[in-house]
Amino acid sequence: MSEETPPSKEYRCPACGHVIYSRRRKKCEVCELPYPPEFLLTPEELEALENEQREIHARRERDKTKEEEERKKRDAASSNASFMLMG
């Protein structure tokens, strides 16, 4: 038996019906009326989201650094091999 992911709640502006894509915003992107407080992310949710984004950024930076180091090693090995063939 497989687990199904329940559909996420879709928030819509109560004034104009526009889909709310970011609960960080305090007002509607279309009609510019403020959202009800219960539509907004709580401070705890905001903090968790920011922590997750920081972790993702740090992981990407580590991966980028690791890939760059591996590329330099390959380039150095390739350069050494070419030099040995010439010599």
Protein backbone atom coordinates (compact mmCIF):
# COMPACT_ATOMS: atom_id res chain seq x y z
CA MET A 1 0.00 0.00 0.00
CA SER A 2 1.47 3.37 -0.97
CA GLU A 3 1.07 6.54 0.99
CA GLU A 4 -0.51 9.40 -0.88
CA THR A 5 0.49 12.97 -0.21
CA PRO A 6 -2.59 14.96 0.69
CA PRO A 7 -3.12 18.04 -1.43
CA SER A 8 -1.72 21.17 0.17
CA LYS A 9 -4.20 23.82 1.15
CA GLU A 10 -4.51 26.45 -1.54
CA TYR A 11 -4.84 29.90 -0.09
CA ARG A 12 -6.79 32.52 -2.02
CA CYS A 13 -7.23 36.21 -1.37
CA PRO A 14 -10.61 36.60 0.33
CA ALA A 15 -11.16 39.90 -1.49
CA CYS A 16 -10.36 39.01 -5.12
CA GLY A 17 -9.82 35.24 -5.16
CA HIS A 18 -6.24 35.43 -6.48
CA VAL A 19 -4.07 32.44 -5.52
CA ILE A 20 -1.63 33.30 -2.75
CA TYR A 21 1.77 32.03 -3.84
CA SER A 22 3.70 33.38 -0.86
CA ARG A 23 2.34 33.54 2.65
CA ARG A 24 5.24 35.81 3.53
CA ARG A 25 3.53 38.71 1.82
CA LYS A 26 1.19 40.69 3.99
CA LYS A 27 -1.08 41.87 1.17
CA CYS A 28 -2.47 40.61 -2.12
CA GLU A 29 -0.33 41.08 -5.22
CA VAL A 30 -3.44 41.85 -7.28
CA CYS A 31 -5.88 43.89 -5.21
CA GLU A 32 -3.29 44.96 -2.59
CA LEU A 33 -5.67 44.42 0.31
CA PRO A 34 -4.10 42.93 3.46
CA TYR A 35 -4.47 39.22 4.09
CA PRO A 36 -6.15 37.99 7.26
CA PRO A 37 -3.58 37.16 9.97
CA GLU A 38 -4.41 33.44 9.80
CA PHE A 39 -3.23 33.40 6.15
CA LEU A 40 0.25 34.64 7.06
CA LEU A 41 3.14 32.46 8.17
CA THR A 42 3.71 32.43 11.91
CA PRO A 43 7.05 33.69 13.24
CA GLU A 44 8.00 30.05 13.92
CA GLU A 45 7.14 29.03 10.34
CA LEU A 46 9.12 31.97 8.98
CA GLU A 47 12.14 31.05 11.10
CA ALA A 48 11.97 27.40 10.02
CA LEU A 49 11.72 28.44 6.37
CA GLU A 50 14.67 30.83 6.69
CA ASN A 51 16.75 28.12 8.42
CA GLU A 52 15.94 25.68 5.65
CA GLN A 53 16.95 28.22 3.00
CA ARG A 54 20.23 28.92 4.81
CA GLU A 55 20.97 25.18 4.94
CA ILE A 56 20.21 24.78 1.24
CA HIS A 57 22.49 27.73 0.39
CA ALA A 58 25.32 26.38 2.58
CA ARG A 59 24.99 22.91 1.01
CA ARG A 60 25.11 24.41 -2.50
CA GLU A 61 28.22 26.41 -1.59
CA ARG A 62 29.91 23.27 -0.18
CA ASP A 63 29.01 21.30 -3.31
CA LYS A 64 30.27 24.11 -5.53
CA THR A 65 33.58 24.27 -3.63
CA LYS A 66 33.98 20.49 -3.77
CA GLU A 67 33.27 20.41 -7.52
CA GLU A 68 35.77 23.22 -8.10
CA GLU A 69 38.46 21.37 -6.12
CA GLU A 70 37.77 18.15 -8.06
CA ARG A 71 37.97 20.04 -11.37
CA LYS A 72 41.32 21.57 -10.38
CA LYS A 73 42.66 18.12 -9.47
CA ARG A 74 41.51 16.69 -12.82
CA ASP A 75 43.02 19.62 -14.69
CA ALA A 76 46.30 19.27 -12.82
CA ALA A 77 46.42 15.51 -13.47
CA SER A 78 45.61 16.05 -17.14
CA SER A 79 48.27 18.74 -17.40
CA ASN A 80 50.87 16.50 -15.72
CA ALA A 81 50.01 13.60 -18.03
CA SER A 82 50.41 15.83 -21.10
CA PHE A 83 53.74 17.11 -19.83
CA MET A 84 54.99 13.56 -19.23
CA LEU A 85 54.06 12.54 -22.78
CA MET A 86 56.00 15.49 -24.21
CA GLY A 87 59.06 14.87 -22.08
